[in-house]
């Protein structure tokens, strides 16, 4: 079912990125960030939970949100490649967060007019969270990009490493395109102007330039992932796979 698949893509994006951000808990460079990072992760995971619950109902096979998150293998995940990238350092983490939020903020803004009641409900909450994520991550991108020689070099390295994964955000899978045609989800390509406006403004202040990408990396929507996702899932899923159906 196309809508099921399209919702699953959104849920996977949010869960995978939420877990990546949560990996900073106890390891952030400042105490304030040790509080902010888990809170941003909870925003993303909360969105994923609602979407997984909805996807499970659409599928109609009795899968719970936990089953969908923890009992699928790497090739069954449909997240974009950007969100699964390793944290590497704080510059990579903040730039990845900025890219994702700069896309999802206009996406959820447009989704507020969805013909689907669940999507409208998710959008009403998520759009506020993404606005905060843009502000928080954007401030760090500027702080690091226009900071010391080392911080500027790290941020430039992050731009070079992550730029190739950005274009996939704007590509609609066949399932997403069907949901877009039905007025349930906004068209991903339509988010580009708003995304570019945010990134260009922040990059100008951060003394950064957007590199030309000759060969954008795609494939996440088809289940084609790098080894990073497999390693992440082995950690994230270990407890639930050891104790299926367990709950707090």
Protein backbone atom coordinates (compact mmCIF):
# COMPACT_ATOMS: atom_id res chain seq x y z
CA UNK A 1 0.00 0.00 0.00
CA UNK A 2 1.51 3.29 -1.11
CA UNK A 3 0.42 5.37 1.87
CA UNK A 4 1.80 2.79 4.29
CA UNK A 5 5.16 2.90 2.54
CA UNK A 6 5.23 6.70 2.41
CA UNK A 7 4.46 6.97 6.14
CA UNK A 8 7.12 4.37 6.88
CA UNK A 9 9.73 6.49 5.09
CA UNK A 10 8.92 9.47 7.30
CA UNK A 11 8.91 7.35 10.45
CA UNK A 12 12.26 5.78 9.62
CA UNK A 13 13.84 9.19 8.95
CA UNK A 14 12.78 10.43 12.36
CA UNK A 15 13.66 7.29 14.31
CA UNK A 16 17.12 6.84 12.80
CA UNK A 17 18.06 10.49 13.25
CA UNK A 18 16.56 10.49 16.75
CA UNK A 19 18.78 7.57 17.72
CA UNK A 20 21.84 9.21 16.18
CA UNK A 21 21.22 12.40 18.17
CA UNK A 22 20.62 10.38 21.36
CA UNK A 23 24.13 8.94 21.05
CA UNK A 24 25.43 12.28 22.33
CA UNK A 25 23.73 11.80 25.72
CA UNK A 26 26.54 11.93 28.27
CA UNK A 27 29.10 12.83 25.60
CA UNK A 28 28.12 16.35 24.53
CA UNK A 29 30.78 19.09 24.78
CA UNK A 30 28.72 21.21 27.20
CA UNK A 31 26.32 20.38 30.01
CA UNK A 32 23.64 22.46 28.26
CA UNK A 33 24.04 20.30 25.16
CA UNK A 34 23.86 17.16 27.28
CA UNK A 35 20.31 18.30 28.04
CA UNK A 36 19.42 19.77 24.65
CA UNK A 37 20.52 16.80 22.52
CA UNK A 38 18.33 14.16 24.24
CA UNK A 39 15.39 16.56 24.08
CA UNK A 40 15.82 16.97 20.32
CA UNK A 41 16.13 13.19 20.01
CA UNK A 42 12.86 12.79 21.91
CA UNK A 43 11.15 15.21 19.50
CA UNK A 44 12.18 13.04 16.57
CA UNK A 45 11.38 9.73 18.25
CA UNK A 46 8.00 11.04 19.37
CA UNK A 47 7.15 11.87 15.75
CA UNK A 48 8.38 8.44 14.67
CA UNK A 49 6.18 6.70 17.24
CA UNK A 50 3.02 8.36 15.98
CA UNK A 51 3.91 7.59 12.38
CA UNK A 52 4.78 3.95 13.12
CA UNK A 53 1.50 3.51 14.96
CA UNK A 54 -0.35 4.92 11.96
CA UNK A 55 1.65 2.80 9.52
CA UNK A 56 0.85 -0.31 11.52
CA UNK A 57 -2.85 0.42 11.34
CA UNK A 58 -2.63 1.04 7.59
CA UNK A 59 -0.80 -2.25 7.08
CA UNK A 60 -3.39 -4.12 9.13
CA UNK A 61 -1.11 -6.99 10.20
CA UNK A 62 -1.08 -6.23 13.90
CA UNK A 63 2.42 -4.78 14.07
CA UNK A 64 3.02 -2.40 16.97
CA UNK A 65 5.25 0.66 16.78
CA UNK A 66 7.94 -1.33 18.65
CA UNK A 67 7.72 -4.20 16.18
CA UNK A 68 8.18 -1.82 13.28
CA UNK A 69 11.14 -0.09 14.90
CA UNK A 70 12.97 -3.08 16.31
CA UNK A 71 12.11 -6.17 14.27
CA UNK A 72 12.94 -5.01 10.75
CA UNK A 73 16.32 -5.62 9.18
CA UNK A 74 18.55 -3.01 7.59
CA UNK A 75 17.28 -3.55 4.04
CA UNK A 76 13.69 -3.05 5.23
CA UNK A 77 14.40 0.46 6.49
CA UNK A 78 13.41 3.26 4.14
CA UNK A 79 15.15 6.27 5.70
CA UNK A 80 17.17 8.68 3.60
CA UNK A 81 20.94 8.24 3.76
CA UNK A 82 21.60 11.58 5.46
CA UNK A 83 20.06 10.63 8.79
CA UNK A 84 22.06 7.44 9.23
CA UNK A 85 25.46 9.11 8.88
CA UNK A 86 27.77 8.67 11.88
CA UNK A 87 28.11 11.56 14.30
CA UNK A 88 31.89 11.76 13.66
CA UNK A 89 32.14 15.03 15.58
CA UNK A 90 29.89 17.81 16.84
CA UNK A 91 30.18 19.77 13.59
CA UNK A 92 28.87 16.82 11.57
CA UNK A 93 26.02 16.31 14.03
CA UNK A 94 24.88 19.93 13.99
CA UNK A 95 25.08 20.28 10.22
CA UNK A 96 23.16 17.02 9.69
CA UNK A 97 20.50 18.29 12.09
CA UNK A 98 20.31 21.63 10.31
CA UNK A 99 19.91 20.01 6.89
CA UNK A 100 17.14 17.72 8.10
CA UNK A 101 15.24 20.39 10.05
CA UNK A 102 15.54 22.92 7.22
CA UNK A 103 13.76 20.41 5.00
CA UNK A 104 11.20 19.15 7.51
CA UNK A 105 10.07 22.58 8.75
CA UNK A 106 8.51 23.62 5.39
CA UNK A 107 7.39 20.01 4.85
CA UNK A 108 5.35 19.99 8.07
CA UNK A 109 4.16 23.54 7.36
CA UNK A 110 2.67 22.31 4.09
CA UNK A 111 1.43 19.08 5.68
CA UNK A 112 -0.82 21.14 7.96
CA UNK A 113 -3.14 21.29 4.94
CA UNK A 114 -3.10 17.52 4.38
CA UNK A 115 -6.31 15.69 3.59
CA UNK A 116 -5.30 13.16 6.26
CA UNK A 117 -6.24 13.90 9.88
CA UNK A 118 -3.28 12.02 11.39
CA UNK A 119 -0.76 13.85 9.21
CA UNK A 120 -2.30 17.19 10.14
CA UNK A 121 -1.98 16.29 13.81
CA UNK A 122 1.67 15.27 13.47
CA UNK A 123 2.44 18.42 11.48
CA UNK A 124 0.92 20.72 14.11
CA UNK A 125 3.41 19.50 16.72
CA UNK A 126 6.43 18.71 14.58
CA UNK A 127 6.59 22.07 12.80
CA UNK A 128 7.26 23.84 16.11
CA UNK A 129 9.95 21.34 17.02
CA UNK A 130 11.68 21.71 13.67
CA UNK A 131 11.71 25.49 14.04
CA UNK A 132 13.62 25.05 17.31
CA UNK A 133 15.98 22.52 15.74
CA UNK A 134 16.82 24.97 12.96
CA UNK A 135 17.54 27.69 15.47
CA UNK A 136 19.62 25.47 17.74
CA UNK A 137 21.63 23.71 15.03
CA UNK A 138 21.96 26.89 12.99
CA UNK A 139 23.51 28.77 15.91
CA UNK A 140 26.10 26.02 16.30
CA UNK A 141 26.89 25.92 12.58
CA UNK A 142 27.55 29.66 12.69
CA UNK A 143 29.50 29.43 15.95
CA UNK A 144 31.76 26.70 14.61
CA UNK A 145 32.03 27.93 11.01
CA UNK A 146 32.98 31.45 12.06
CA UNK A 147 34.95 30.35 15.11
CA UNK A 148 38.48 29.15 15.63
CA UNK A 149 40.71 27.80 12.91
CA UNK A 150 40.02 24.24 14.07
CA UNK A 151 36.25 24.66 14.44
CA UNK A 152 36.00 26.26 10.99
CA UNK A 153 38.00 23.42 9.46
CA UNK A 154 35.77 20.82 11.11
CA UNK A 155 32.62 22.52 9.87
CA UNK A 156 33.99 22.75 6.34
CA UNK A 157 34.83 19.05 6.51
CA UNK A 158 31.25 18.36 7.60
CA UNK A 159 29.87 20.32 4.63
CA UNK A 160 32.06 18.34 2.23
CA UNK A 161 31.07 15.02 3.83
CA UNK A 162 27.31 15.60 4.02
CA UNK A 163 26.51 17.69 0.94
CA UNK A 164 26.21 14.61 -1.28
CA UNK A 165 23.28 13.31 0.81
CA UNK A 166 21.13 16.45 0.70
CA UNK A 167 19.46 16.02 -2.69
CA UNK A 168 17.81 12.75 -1.64
CA UNK A 169 15.62 14.74 0.76
CA UNK A 170 13.80 16.24 -2.23
CA UNK A 171 13.28 13.03 -4.19
CA UNK A 172 9.88 11.37 -3.86
CA UNK A 173 9.68 7.59 -4.03
CA UNK A 174 6.85 6.07 -6.06
CA UNK A 175 4.89 5.57 -2.85
CA UNK A 176 5.45 9.15 -1.69
CA UNK A 177 4.50 10.49 -5.12
CA UNK A 178 1.18 8.64 -4.90
CA UNK A 179 0.50 10.09 -1.44
CA UNK A 180 1.41 13.53 -2.76
CA UNK A 181 -0.98 13.20 -5.70
CA UNK A 182 -3.75 12.31 -3.25
CA UNK A 183 -3.12 15.45 -1.22
CA UNK A 184 -1.98 13.50 1.84
CA UNK A 185 1.68 14.55 1.81
CA UNK A 186 3.27 17.68 0.34
CA UNK A 187 5.58 17.35 -2.66
CA UNK A 188 9.15 16.98 -1.50
CA UNK A 189 10.57 18.95 -4.42
CA UNK A 190 8.47 21.96 -3.40
CA UNK A 191 10.50 22.32 -0.19
CA UNK A 192 13.67 23.33 -2.04
CA UNK A 193 13.22 27.14 -2.08
CA UNK A 194 12.51 27.33 1.67
CA UNK A 195 15.37 24.93 2.41
CA UNK A 196 17.84 26.91 0.29
CA UNK A 197 16.80 30.18 1.91
CA UNK A 198 17.54 28.85 5.40
CA UNK A 199 20.83 27.17 4.46
CA UNK A 200 22.11 30.12 2.42
CA UNK A 201 21.36 32.56 5.24
CA UNK A 202 23.10 30.45 7.89
CA UNK A 203 26.04 29.55 5.64
CA UNK A 204 26.64 33.23 4.86
CA UNK A 205 26.99 33.98 8.56
CA UNK A 206 29.08 30.85 9.12
CA UNK A 207 31.51 31.77 6.31
CA UNK A 208 30.62 28.55 4.48
CA UNK A 209 29.87 27.81 0.86
CA UNK A 210 27.71 25.04 -0.56
CA UNK A 211 29.83 22.74 -2.72
CA UNK A 212 28.80 21.49 -6.13
CA UNK A 213 27.73 17.85 -5.94
CA UNK A 214 28.32 15.98 -9.17
CA UNK A 215 26.99 12.64 -7.96
CA UNK A 216 24.33 12.86 -5.21
CA UNK A 217 24.01 9.72 -3.10
CA UNK A 218 20.58 8.08 -3.08
CA UNK A 219 19.10 4.65 -2.45
CA UNK A 220 17.86 4.87 1.10
CA UNK A 221 14.20 4.75 0.02
CA UNK A 222 14.97 1.45 -1.73
CA UNK A 223 16.63 -0.05 1.34
CA UNK A 224 20.16 0.47 0.03
CA UNK A 225 22.15 1.66 3.03
CA UNK A 226 25.75 1.94 4.14
CA UNK A 227 27.22 -0.25 6.84
CA UNK A 228 26.70 2.52 9.42
CA UNK A 229 22.98 1.77 9.63
CA UNK A 230 23.55 -1.93 10.24
CA UNK A 231 25.90 -1.20 13.13
CA UNK A 232 23.46 1.30 14.58
CA UNK A 233 20.51 -1.09 14.36
CA UNK A 234 22.45 -3.87 16.07
CA UNK A 235 22.77 -1.63 19.12
CA UNK A 236 19.33 -0.04 18.95
CA UNK A 237 17.44 -3.30 18.49
CA UNK A 238 19.41 -5.58 20.82
CA UNK A 239 17.17 -5.39 23.89
CA UNK A 240 13.84 -5.79 22.10
CA UNK A 241 15.10 -8.66 19.97
CA UNK A 242 16.36 -10.41 23.10
CA UNK A 243 13.00 -9.89 24.84
CA UNK A 244 10.30 -9.57 22.12
CA UNK A 245 7.12 -7.89 23.34
CA UNK A 246 8.76 -6.57 26.49
CA UNK A 247 7.46 -3.28 27.86
CA UNK A 248 8.35 -1.03 30.75
